[in-house]
Amino acid sequence: MSMHQYVLIAVMAVVVIALRSVPFVLFSGQRKIPAWLLYLGKVLTAAVIAMLVVYSLYGNLNYAQNHLSNLPAALAASGVTVLLHWFFKNPLISIIAGTACYMLLI
């Protein structure tokens, strides 16, 4: 690897560490978390899951050849994701299991 690549990796590492530490620096101690940030934490998971559902189902519709490619697999994986999220209420488990189910089915 060249020196340029090492510098790029070092800069990216510093930026990632800085971004990951900002919440701990801002909200450590007695400082209260703003209401808008708490609201965002509640609704962001549902928004991301909805965006993933729309993206995965839309991406499986093949309009050029007028047939459905992997739509049954996408619908089955979406169903697994919804059921797991309903039972466990854990977005990480739901997303990982739904993705794994989709990858196994296609």
PDB file of N, CA and C in Angstrom:
ATOM      1  N   MET A   1       0.838  -1.183   0.000  1.00  0.00           N
ATOM      2  CA  MET A   1       0.000   0.000   0.000  1.00  0.00           C
ATOM      3  C   MET A   1       0.882   1.246   0.000  1.00  0.00           C
ATOM      4  N   SER A   2       0.359   2.275  -0.588  1.00  0.00           N
ATOM      5  CA  SER A   2       1.109   3.521  -0.655  1.00  0.00           C
ATOM      6  C   SER A   2       0.838   4.374   0.589  1.00  0.00           C
ATOM      7  N   MET A   3       1.646   5.389   0.752  1.00  0.00           N
ATOM      8  CA  MET A   3       1.492   6.290   1.903  1.00  0.00           C
ATOM      9  C   MET A   3       0.147   7.021   1.845  1.00  0.00           C
ATOM     10  N   HIS A   4      -0.297   7.317   0.643  1.00  0.00           N
ATOM     11  CA  HIS A   4      -1.580   7.996   0.471  1.00  0.00           C
ATOM     12  C   HIS A   4      -2.725   7.146   1.047  1.00  0.00           C
ATOM     13  N   GLN A   5      -2.711   5.853   0.797  1.00  0.00           N
ATOM     14  CA  GLN A   5      -3.746   4.970   1.311  1.00  0.00           C
ATOM     15  C   GLN A   5      -3.703   4.881   2.837  1.00  0.00           C
ATOM     16  N   TYR A   6      -2.512   4.843   3.406  1.00  0.00           N
ATOM     17  CA  TYR A   6      -2.393   4.830   4.868  1.00  0.00           C
ATOM     18  C   TYR A   6      -2.956   6.108   5.489  1.00  0.00           C
ATOM     19  N   VAL A   7      -2.683   7.232   4.857  1.00  0.00           N
ATOM     20  CA  VAL A   7      -3.202   8.506   5.359  1.00  0.00           C
ATOM     21  C   VAL A   7      -4.735   8.533   5.269  1.00  0.00           C
ATOM     22  N   LEU A   8      -5.287   8.037   4.159  1.00  0.00           N
ATOM     23  CA  LEU A   8      -6.736   7.990   4.012  1.00  0.00           C
ATOM     24  C   LEU A   8      -7.368   7.107   5.086  1.00  0.00           C
ATOM     25  N   ILE A   9      -6.784   5.959   5.351  1.00  0.00           N
ATOM     26  CA  ILE A   9      -7.310   5.065   6.383  1.00  0.00           C
ATOM     27  C   ILE A   9      -7.230   5.730   7.754  1.00  0.00           C
ATOM     28  N   ALA A  10      -6.138   6.408   8.039  1.00  0.00           N
ATOM     29  CA  ALA A  10      -5.981   7.091   9.327  1.00  0.00           C
ATOM     30  C   ALA A  10      -7.014   8.208   9.481  1.00  0.00           C
ATOM     31  N   VAL A  11      -7.247   8.981   8.434  1.00  0.00           N
ATOM     32  CA  VAL A  11      -8.231  10.071   8.496  1.00  0.00           C
ATOM     33  C   VAL A  11      -9.631   9.504   8.697  1.00  0.00           C
ATOM     34  N   MET A  12      -9.967   8.429   7.990  1.00  0.00           N
ATOM     35  CA  MET A  12     -11.286   7.817   8.160  1.00  0.00           C
ATOM     36  C   MET A  12     -11.464   7.263   9.566  1.00  0.00           C
ATOM     37  N   ALA A  13     -10.414   6.691  10.125  1.00  0.00           N
ATOM     38  CA  ALA A  13     -10.499   6.156  11.484  1.00  0.00           C
ATOM     39  C   ALA A  13     -10.728   7.278  12.491  1.00  0.00           C
ATOM     40  N   VAL A  14     -10.033   8.389  12.334  1.00  0.00           N
ATOM     41  CA  VAL A  14     -10.203   9.523  13.248  1.00  0.00           C
ATOM     42  C   VAL A  14     -11.616  10.087  13.141  1.00  0.00           C
ATOM     43  N   VAL A  15     -12.145  10.203  11.936  1.00  0.00           N
ATOM     44  CA  VAL A  15     -13.494  10.736  11.747  1.00  0.00           C
ATOM     45  C   VAL A  15     -14.528   9.802  12.374  1.00  0.00           C
ATOM     46  N   VAL A  16     -14.381   8.494  12.179  1.00  0.00           N
ATOM     47  CA  VAL A  16     -15.334   7.539  12.762  1.00  0.00           C
ATOM     48  C   VAL A  16     -15.289   7.596  14.282  1.00  0.00           C
ATOM     49  N   ILE A  17     -14.113   7.619  14.858  1.00  0.00           N
ATOM     50  CA  ILE A  17     -13.984   7.691  16.316  1.00  0.00           C
ATOM     51  C   ILE A  17     -14.583   8.998  16.838  1.00  0.00           C
ATOM     52  N   ALA A  18     -14.351  10.102  16.137  1.00  0.00           N
ATOM     53  CA  ALA A  18     -14.900  11.392  16.564  1.00  0.00           C
ATOM     54  C   ALA A  18     -16.426  11.376  16.504  1.00  0.00           C
ATOM     55  N   LEU A  19     -16.987  10.843  15.419  1.00  0.00           N
ATOM     56  CA  LEU A  19     -18.444  10.808  15.294  1.00  0.00           C
ATOM     57  C   LEU A  19     -19.084   9.888  16.334  1.00  0.00           C
ATOM     58  N   ARG A  20     -18.434   8.791  16.647  1.00  0.00           N
ATOM     59  CA  ARG A  20     -18.987   7.859  17.632  1.00  0.00           C
ATOM     60  C   ARG A  20     -18.903   8.406  19.053  1.00  0.00           C
ATOM     61  N   SER A  21     -17.948   9.275  19.306  1.00  0.00           N
ATOM     62  CA  SER A  21     -17.781   9.786  20.669  1.00  0.00           C
ATOM     63  C   SER A  21     -18.588  11.060  20.944  1.00  0.00           C
ATOM     64  N   VAL A  22     -19.090  11.713  19.915  1.00  0.00           N
ATOM     65  CA  VAL A  22     -19.830  12.970  20.092  1.00  0.00           C
ATOM     66  C   VAL A  22     -21.035  12.814  21.027  1.00  0.00           C
ATOM     67  N   PRO A  23     -21.890  11.783  20.882  1.00  0.00           N
ATOM     68  CA  PRO A  23     -23.031  11.678  21.802  1.00  0.00           C
ATOM     69  C   PRO A  23     -22.608  11.524  23.264  1.00  0.00           C
ATOM     70  N   PHE A  24     -21.532  10.801  23.509  1.00  0.00           N
ATOM     71  CA  PHE A  24     -21.073  10.612  24.880  1.00  0.00           C
ATOM     72  C   PHE A  24     -20.527  11.908  25.462  1.00  0.00           C
ATOM     73  N   VAL A  25     -19.895  12.706  24.644  1.00  0.00           N
ATOM     74  CA  VAL A  25     -19.361  13.983  25.111  1.00  0.00           C
ATOM     75  C   VAL A  25     -20.493  14.984  25.348  1.00  0.00           C
ATOM     76  N   LEU A  26     -21.453  15.027  24.425  1.00  0.00           N
ATOM     77  CA  LEU A  26     -22.546  16.002  24.542  1.00  0.00           C
ATOM     78  C   LEU A  26     -23.514  15.689  25.681  1.00  0.00           C
ATOM     79  N   PHE A  27     -23.798  14.407  25.907  1.00  0.00           N
ATOM     80  CA  PHE A  27     -24.838  14.050  26.864  1.00  0.00           C
ATOM     81  C   PHE A  27     -24.302  13.331  28.092  1.00  0.00           C
ATOM     82  N   SER A  28     -23.069  13.571  28.443  1.00  0.00           N
ATOM     83  CA  SER A  28     -22.535  12.974  29.664  1.00  0.00           C
ATOM     84  C   SER A  28     -22.844  13.879  30.853  1.00  0.00           C
ATOM     85  N   GLY A  29     -22.891  13.284  32.013  1.00  0.00           N
ATOM     86  CA  GLY A  29     -23.126  14.070  33.216  1.00  0.00           C
ATOM     87  C   GLY A  29     -24.585  14.378  33.439  1.00  0.00           C
ATOM     88  N   GLN A  30     -24.878  15.592  33.845  1.00  0.00           N
ATOM     89  CA  GLN A  30     -26.223  15.993  34.233  1.00  0.00           C
ATOM     90  C   GLN A  30     -27.038  16.598  33.084  1.00  0.00           C
ATOM     91  N   ARG A  31     -26.457  16.718  31.918  1.00  0.00           N
ATOM     92  CA  ARG A  31     -27.168  17.328  30.797  1.00  0.00           C
ATOM     93  C   ARG A  31     -28.304  16.423  30.325  1.00  0.00           C
ATOM     94  N   LYS A  32     -29.492  16.992  30.160  1.00  0.00           N
ATOM     95  CA  LYS A  32     -30.683  16.248  29.767  1.00  0.00           C
ATOM     96  C   LYS A  32     -30.765  16.138  28.252  1.00  0.00           C
ATOM     97  N   ILE A  33     -31.228  14.992  27.783  1.00  0.00           N
ATOM     98  CA  ILE A  33     -31.381  14.774  26.346  1.00  0.00           C
ATOM     99  C   ILE A  33     -32.607  15.549  25.862  1.00  0.00           C
ATOM    100  N   PRO A  34     -32.474  16.318  24.772  1.00  0.00           N
ATOM    101  CA  PRO A  34     -33.617  17.104  24.268  1.00  0.00           C
ATOM    102  C   PRO A  34     -34.782  16.205  23.840  1.00  0.00           C
ATOM    103  N   ALA A  35     -35.972  16.761  23.943  1.00  0.00           N
ATOM    104  CA  ALA A  35     -37.190  16.008  23.612  1.00  0.00           C
ATOM    105  C   ALA A  35     -37.218  15.598  22.139  1.00  0.00           C
ATOM    106  N   TRP A  36     -36.741  16.466  21.251  1.00  0.00           N
ATOM    107  CA  TRP A  36     -36.757  16.142  19.829  1.00  0.00           C
ATOM    108  C   TRP A  36     -35.856  14.959  19.524  1.00  0.00           C
ATOM    109  N   LEU A  37     -34.763  14.818  20.257  1.00  0.00           N
ATOM    110  CA  LEU A  37     -33.858  13.701  20.036  1.00  0.00           C
ATOM    111  C   LEU A  37     -34.459  12.393  20.558  1.00  0.00           C
ATOM    112  N   LEU A  38     -35.158  12.453  21.662  1.00  0.00           N
ATOM    113  CA  LEU A  38     -35.860  11.279  22.168  1.00  0.00           C
ATOM    114  C   LEU A  38     -36.953  10.843  21.198  1.00  0.00           C
ATOM    115  N   TYR A  39     -37.684  11.809  20.641  1.00  0.00           N
ATOM    116  CA  TYR A  39     -38.716  11.510  19.654  1.00  0.00           C
ATOM    117  C   TYR A  39     -38.101  10.860  18.419  1.00  0.00           C
ATOM    118  N   LEU A  40     -36.986  11.402  17.965  1.00  0.00           N
ATOM    119  CA  LEU A  40     -36.305  10.851  16.800  1.00  0.00           C
ATOM    120  C   LEU A  40     -35.854   9.414  17.054  1.00  0.00           C
ATOM    121  N   GLY A  41     -35.399   9.142  18.269  1.00  0.00           N
ATOM    122  CA  GLY A  41     -34.999   7.784  18.618  1.00  0.00           C
ATOM    123  C   GLY A  41     -36.154   6.805  18.595  1.00  0.00           C
ATOM    124  N   LYS A  42     -37.363   7.288  18.866  1.00  0.00           N
ATOM    125  CA  LYS A  42     -38.537   6.410  18.851  1.00  0.00           C
ATOM    126  C   LYS A  42     -39.036   6.131  17.443  1.00  0.00           C
ATOM    127  N   VAL A  43     -39.017   7.109  16.573  1.00  0.00           N
ATOM    128  CA  VAL A  43     -39.629   6.946  15.254  1.00  0.00           C
ATOM    129  C   VAL A  43     -38.642   6.571  14.154  1.00  0.00           C
ATOM    130  N   LEU A  44     -37.366   6.714  14.393  1.00  0.00           N
ATOM    131  CA  LEU A  44     -36.390   6.466  13.336  1.00  0.00           C
ATOM    132  C   LEU A  44     -36.332   5.000  12.929  1.00  0.00           C
ATOM    133  N   THR A  45     -36.484   4.092  13.884  1.00  0.00           N
ATOM    134  CA  THR A  45     -36.441   2.671  13.552  1.00  0.00           C
ATOM    135  C   THR A  45     -37.565   2.301  12.593  1.00  0.00           C
ATOM    136  N   ALA A  46     -38.761   2.745  12.875  1.00  0.00           N
ATOM    137  CA  ALA A  46     -39.895   2.441  11.993  1.00  0.00           C
ATOM    138  C   ALA A  46     -39.696   3.064  10.615  1.00  0.00           C
ATOM    139  N   ALA A  47     -39.145   4.254  10.571  1.00  0.00           N
ATOM    140  CA  ALA A  47     -38.914   4.914   9.282  1.00  0.00           C
ATOM    141  C   ALA A  47     -37.882   4.155   8.449  1.00  0.00           C
ATOM    142  N   VAL A  48     -36.830   3.683   9.097  1.00  0.00           N
ATOM    143  CA  VAL A  48     -35.800   2.932   8.378  1.00  0.00           C
ATOM    144  C   VAL A  48     -36.355   1.607   7.874  1.00  0.00           C
ATOM    145  N   ILE A  49     -37.112   0.916   8.704  1.00  0.00           N
ATOM    146  CA  ILE A  49     -37.694  -0.358   8.278  1.00  0.00           C
ATOM    147  C   ILE A  49     -38.671  -0.134   7.128  1.00  0.00           C
ATOM    148  N   ALA A  50     -39.484   0.903   7.198  1.00  0.00           N
ATOM    149  CA  ALA A  50     -40.412   1.197   6.097  1.00  0.00           C
ATOM    150  C   ALA A  50     -39.656   1.502   4.810  1.00  0.00           C
ATOM    151  N   MET A  51     -38.567   2.241   4.910  1.00  0.00           N
ATOM    152  CA  MET A  51     -37.765   2.549   3.734  1.00  0.00           C
ATOM    153  C   MET A  51     -37.140   1.282   3.147  1.00  0.00           C
ATOM    154  N   LEU A  52     -36.670   0.374   4.007  1.00  0.00           N
ATOM    155  CA  LEU A  52     -36.102  -0.885   3.521  1.00  0.00           C
ATOM    156  C   LEU A  52     -37.150  -1.759   2.851  1.00  0.00           C
ATOM    157  N   VAL A  53     -38.352  -1.771   3.393  1.00  0.00           N
ATOM    158  CA  VAL A  53     -39.431  -2.566   2.790  1.00  0.00           C
ATOM    159  C   VAL A  53     -39.770  -2.034   1.409  1.00  0.00           C
ATOM    160  N   VAL A  54     -39.953  -0.733   1.309  1.00  0.00           N
ATOM    161  CA  VAL A  54     -40.278  -0.135   0.011  1.00  0.00           C
ATOM    162  C   VAL A  54     -39.149  -0.384  -0.982  1.00  0.00           C
ATOM    163  N   TYR A  55     -37.917  -0.220  -0.558  1.00  0.00           N
ATOM    164  CA  TYR A  55     -36.773  -0.421  -1.452  1.00  0.00           C
ATOM    165  C   TYR A  55     -36.687  -1.873  -1.905  1.00  0.00           C
ATOM    166  N   SER A  56     -36.846  -2.812  -0.964  1.00  0.00           N
ATOM    167  CA  SER A  56     -36.692  -4.219  -1.350  1.00  0.00           C
ATOM    168  C   SER A  56     -37.837  -4.687  -2.242  1.00  0.00           C
ATOM    169  N   LEU A  57     -39.061  -4.273  -1.947  1.00  0.00           N
ATOM    170  CA  LEU A  57     -40.179  -4.713  -2.778  1.00  0.00           C
ATOM    171  C   LEU A  57     -40.177  -4.019  -4.140  1.00  0.00           C
ATOM    172  N   TYR A  58     -39.825  -2.744  -4.175  1.00  0.00           N
ATOM    173  CA  TYR A  58     -39.775  -2.031  -5.449  1.00  0.00           C
ATOM    174  C   TYR A  58     -38.651  -2.566  -6.331  1.00  0.00           C
ATOM    175  N   GLY A  59     -37.533  -2.902  -5.708  1.00  0.00           N
ATOM    176  CA  GLY A  59     -36.409  -3.429  -6.469  1.00  0.00           C
ATOM    177  C   GLY A  59     -36.681  -4.786  -7.075  1.00  0.00           C
ATOM    178  N   ASN A  60     -37.651  -5.512  -6.545  1.00  0.00           N
ATOM    179  CA  ASN A  60     -37.970  -6.836  -7.066  1.00  0.00           C
ATOM    180  C   ASN A  60     -39.016  -6.817  -8.163  1.00  0.00           C
ATOM    181  N   LEU A  61     -39.578  -5.683  -8.454  1.00  0.00           N
ATOM    182  CA  LEU A  61     -40.530  -5.579  -9.554  1.00  0.00           C
ATOM    183  C   LEU A  61     -39.761  -5.256 -10.829  1.00  0.00           C
ATOM    184  N   ASN A  62     -39.867  -6.106 -11.792  1.00  0.00           N
ATOM    185  CA  ASN A  62     -39.150  -5.921 -13.040  1.00  0.00           C
ATOM    186  C   ASN A  62     -40.148  -5.453 -14.104  1.00  0.00           C
ATOM    187  N   TYR A  63     -40.206  -4.140 -14.285  1.00  0.00           N
ATOM    188  CA  TYR A  63     -41.180  -3.580 -15.220  1.00  0.00           C
ATOM    189  C   TYR A  63     -40.784  -3.791 -16.678  1.00  0.00           C
ATOM    190  N   ALA A  64     -39.500  -3.946 -16.943  1.00  0.00           N
ATOM    191  CA  ALA A  64     -39.056  -4.048 -18.332  1.00  0.00           C
ATOM    192  C   ALA A  64     -39.551  -5.345 -18.979  1.00  0.00           C
ATOM    193  N   GLN A  65     -39.530  -6.447 -18.237  1.00  0.00           N
ATOM    194  CA  GLN A  65     -39.943  -7.725 -18.813  1.00  0.00           C
ATOM    195  C   GLN A  65     -41.335  -8.136 -18.355  1.00  0.00           C
ATOM    196  N   ASN A  66     -41.973  -7.310 -17.571  1.00  0.00           N
ATOM    197  CA  ASN A  66     -43.347  -7.507 -17.119  1.00  0.00           C
ATOM    198  C   ASN A  66     -43.549  -8.826 -16.370  1.00  0.00           C
ATOM    199  N   HIS A  67     -42.608  -9.170 -15.492  1.00  0.00           N
ATOM    200  CA  HIS A  67     -42.786 -10.315 -14.605  1.00  0.00           C
ATOM    201  C   HIS A  67     -42.127 -10.016 -13.259  1.00  0.00           C
ATOM    202  N   LEU A  68     -42.481 -10.786 -12.271  1.00  0.00           N
ATOM    203  CA  LEU A  68     -41.959 -10.588 -10.923  1.00  0.00           C
ATOM    204  C   LEU A  68     -40.768 -11.513 -10.717  1.00  0.00           C
ATOM    205  N   SER A  69     -39.620 -10.960 -10.356  1.00  0.00           N
ATOM    206  CA  SER A  69     -38.422 -11.780 -10.228  1.00  0.00           C
ATOM    207  C   SER A  69     -38.340 -12.472  -8.874  1.00  0.00           C
ATOM    208  N   ASN A  70     -38.013 -11.756  -7.829  1.00  0.00           N
ATOM    209  CA  ASN A  70     -37.850 -12.336  -6.496  1.00  0.00           C
ATOM    210  C   ASN A  70     -38.911 -11.830  -5.525  1.00  0.00           C
ATOM    211  N   LEU A  71     -40.048 -11.449  -6.041  1.00  0.00           N
ATOM    212  CA  LEU A  71     -41.082 -10.890  -5.180  1.00  0.00           C
ATOM    213  C   LEU A  71     -41.575 -11.876  -4.110  1.00  0.00           C
ATOM    214  N   PRO A  72     -41.780 -13.158  -4.409  1.00  0.00           N
ATOM    215  CA  PRO A  72     -42.200 -14.074  -3.343  1.00  0.00           C
ATOM    216  C   PRO A  72     -41.171 -14.173  -2.216  1.00  0.00           C
ATOM    217  N   ALA A  73     -39.904 -14.199  -2.554  1.00  0.00           N
ATOM    218  CA  ALA A  73     -38.853 -14.251  -1.527  1.00  0.00           C
ATOM    219  C   ALA A  73     -38.849 -12.976  -0.699  1.00  0.00           C
ATOM    220  N   ALA A  74     -39.037 -11.834  -1.362  1.00  0.00           N
ATOM    221  CA  ALA A  74     -39.066 -10.562  -0.638  1.00  0.00           C
ATOM    222  C   ALA A  74     -40.272 -10.482   0.277  1.00  0.00           C
ATOM    223  N   LEU A  75     -41.418 -10.962  -0.169  1.00  0.00           N
ATOM    224  CA  LEU A  75     -42.612 -10.945   0.675  1.00  0.00           C
ATOM    225  C   LEU A  75     -42.465 -11.895   1.862  1.00  0.00           C
ATOM    226  N   ALA A  76     -41.883 -13.067   1.641  1.00  0.00           N
ATOM    227  CA  ALA A  76     -41.665 -14.010   2.737  1.00  0.00           C
ATOM    228  C   ALA A  76     -40.690 -13.446   3.759  1.00  0.00           C
ATOM    229  N   ALA A  77     -39.599 -12.843   3.291  1.00  0.00           N
ATOM    230  CA  ALA A  77     -38.623 -12.244   4.204  1.00  0.00           C
ATOM    231  C   ALA A  77     -39.228 -11.066   4.950  1.00  0.00           C
ATOM    232  N   SER A  78     -40.082 -10.302   4.290  1.00  0.00           N
ATOM    233  CA  SER A  78     -40.762  -9.195   4.967  1.00  0.00           C
ATOM    234  C   SER A  78     -41.693  -9.718   6.051  1.00  0.00           C
ATOM    235  N   GLY A  79     -42.379 -10.811   5.769  1.00  0.00           N
ATOM    236  CA  GLY A  79     -43.240 -11.415   6.767  1.00  0.00           C
ATOM    237  C   GLY A  79     -42.461 -11.917   7.976  1.00  0.00           C
ATOM    238  N   VAL A  80     -41.313 -12.541   7.728  1.00  0.00           N
ATOM    239  CA  VAL A  80     -40.450 -12.996   8.826  1.00  0.00           C
ATOM    240  C   VAL A  80     -39.997 -11.805   9.655  1.00  0.00           C
ATOM    241  N   THR A  81     -39.614 -10.724   8.999  1.00  0.00           N
ATOM    242  CA  THR A  81     -39.151  -9.539   9.711  1.00  0.00           C
ATOM    243  C   THR A  81     -40.254  -8.951  10.585  1.00  0.00           C
ATOM    244  N   VAL A  82     -41.459  -8.858  10.038  1.00  0.00           N
ATOM    245  CA  VAL A  82     -42.581  -8.299  10.797  1.00  0.00           C
ATOM    246  C   VAL A  82     -42.917  -9.177  12.002  1.00  0.00           C
ATOM    247  N   LEU A  83     -42.976 -10.481  11.789  1.00  0.00           N
ATOM    248  CA  LEU A  83     -43.300 -11.390  12.885  1.00  0.00           C
ATOM    249  C   LEU A  83     -42.244 -11.346  13.993  1.00  0.00           C
ATOM    250  N   LEU A  84     -40.977 -11.362  13.602  1.00  0.00           N
ATOM    251  CA  LEU A  84     -39.920 -11.313  14.610  1.00  0.00           C
ATOM    252  C   LEU A  84     -39.942  -9.992  15.374  1.00  0.00           C
ATOM    253  N   HIS A  85     -40.216  -8.910  14.653  1.00  0.00           N
ATOM    254  CA  HIS A  85     -40.260  -7.623  15.347  1.00  0.00           C
ATOM    255  C   HIS A  85     -41.478  -7.543  16.268  1.00  0.00           C
ATOM    256  N   TRP A  86     -42.549  -8.170  15.879  1.00  0.00           N
ATOM    257  CA  TRP A  86     -43.753  -8.182  16.709  1.00  0.00           C
ATOM    258  C   TRP A  86     -43.523  -8.966  17.990  1.00  0.00           C
ATOM    259  N   PHE A  87     -42.817 -10.093  17.886  1.00  0.00           N
ATOM    260  CA  PHE A  87     -42.583 -10.922  19.070  1.00  0.00           C
ATOM    261  C   PHE A  87     -41.463 -10.385  19.962  1.00  0.00           C
ATOM    262  N   PHE A  88     -40.334  -9.991  19.367  1.00  0.00           N
ATOM    263  CA  PHE A  88     -39.155  -9.635  20.156  1.00  0.00           C
ATOM    264  C   PHE A  88     -38.994  -8.141  20.395  1.00  0.00           C
ATOM    265  N   LYS A  89     -39.611  -7.297  19.585  1.00  0.00           N
ATOM    266  CA  LYS A  89     -39.494  -5.840  19.705  1.00  0.00           C
ATOM    267  C   LYS A  89     -38.035  -5.373  19.656  1.00  0.00           C
ATOM    268  N   ASN A  90     -37.234  -6.067  18.870  1.00  0.00           N
ATOM    269  CA  ASN A  90     -35.817  -5.749  18.743  1.00  0.00           C
ATOM    270  C   ASN A  90     -35.501  -5.544  17.264  1.00  0.00           C
ATOM    271  N   PRO A  91     -35.248  -4.295  16.846  1.00  0.00           N
ATOM    272  CA  PRO A  91     -35.019  -4.028  15.426  1.00  0.00           C
ATOM    273  C   PRO A  91     -33.798  -4.752  14.868  1.00  0.00           C
ATOM    274  N   LEU A  92     -32.770  -4.916  15.685  1.00  0.00           N
ATOM    275  CA  LEU A  92     -31.554  -5.559  15.192  1.00  0.00           C
ATOM    276  C   LEU A  92     -31.822  -7.013  14.823  1.00  0.00           C
ATOM    277  N   ILE A  93     -32.515  -7.732  15.691  1.00  0.00           N
ATOM    278  CA  ILE A  93     -32.854  -9.129  15.398  1.00  0.00           C
ATOM    279  C   ILE A  93     -33.746  -9.200  14.158  1.00  0.00           C
ATOM    280  N   SER A  94     -34.725  -8.325  14.078  1.00  0.00           N
ATOM    281  CA  SER A  94     -35.659  -8.344  12.959  1.00  0.00           C
ATOM    282  C   SER A  94     -34.959  -8.098  11.628  1.00  0.00           C
ATOM    283  N   ILE A  95     -34.125  -7.094  11.585  1.00  0.00           N
ATOM    284  CA  ILE A  95     -33.458  -6.732  10.330  1.00  0.00           C
ATOM    285  C   ILE A  95     -32.471  -7.803   9.913  1.00  0.00           C
ATOM    286  N   ILE A  96     -31.677  -8.302  10.857  1.00  0.00           N
ATOM    287  CA  ILE A  96     -30.677  -9.317  10.516  1.00  0.00           C
ATOM    288  C   ILE A  96     -31.357 -10.612  10.070  1.00  0.00           C
ATOM    289  N   ALA A  97     -32.382 -11.045  10.804  1.00  0.00           N
ATOM    290  CA  ALA A  97     -33.065 -12.284  10.436  1.00  0.00           C
ATOM    291  C   ALA A  97     -33.816 -12.141   9.115  1.00  0.00           C
ATOM    292  N   GLY A  98     -34.461 -11.009   8.886  1.00  0.00           N
ATOM    293  CA  GLY A  98     -35.154 -10.787   7.619  1.00  0.00           C
ATOM    294  C   GLY A  98     -34.198 -10.757   6.439  1.00  0.00           C
ATOM    295  N   THR A  99     -33.054 -10.119   6.624  1.00  0.00           N
ATOM    296  CA  THR A  99     -32.045 -10.088   5.567  1.00  0.00           C
ATOM    297  C   THR A  99     -31.498 -11.481   5.294  1.00  0.00           C
ATOM    298  N   ALA A 100     -31.210 -12.238   6.361  1.00  0.00           N
ATOM    299  CA  ALA A 100     -30.703 -13.602   6.202  1.00  0.00           C
ATOM    300  C   ALA A 100     -31.735 -14.484   5.505  1.00  0.00           C
ATOM    301  N   CYS A 101     -32.999 -14.332   5.878  1.00  0.00           N
ATOM    302  CA  CYS A 101     -34.067 -15.103   5.238  1.00  0.00           C
ATOM    303  C   CYS A 101     -34.151 -14.775   3.750  1.00  0.00           C
ATOM    304  N   TYR A 102     -34.066 -13.514   3.414  1.00  0.00           N
ATOM    305  CA  TYR A 102     -34.129 -13.105   2.003  1.00  0.00           C
ATOM    306  C   TYR A 102     -32.932 -13.652   1.219  1.00  0.00           C
ATOM    307  N   MET A 103     -31.750 -13.584   1.830  1.00  0.00           N
ATOM    308  CA  MET A 103     -30.558 -14.085   1.144  1.00  0.00           C
ATOM    309  C   MET A 103     -30.635 -15.602   0.935  1.00  0.00           C
ATOM    310  N   LEU A 104     -31.185 -16.320   1.900  1.00  0.00           N
ATOM    311  CA  LEU A 104     -31.335 -17.764   1.745  1.00  0.00           C
ATOM    312  C   LEU A 104     -32.371 -18.113   0.679  1.00  0.00           C
ATOM    313  N   LEU A 105     -33.425 -17.329   0.589  1.00  0.00           N
ATOM    314  CA  LEU A 105     -34.485 -17.631  -0.374  1.00  0.00           C
ATOM    315  C   LEU A 105     -34.104 -17.287  -1.813  1.00  0.00           C
ATOM    316  N   ILE A 106     -33.265 -16.292  -1.990  1.00  0.00           N
ATOM    317  CA  ILE A 106     -32.876 -15.984  -3.376  1.00  0.00           C
ATOM    318  C   ILE A 106     -31.643 -16.772  -3.744  1.00  0.00           C
TER     319      ILE A 106
END
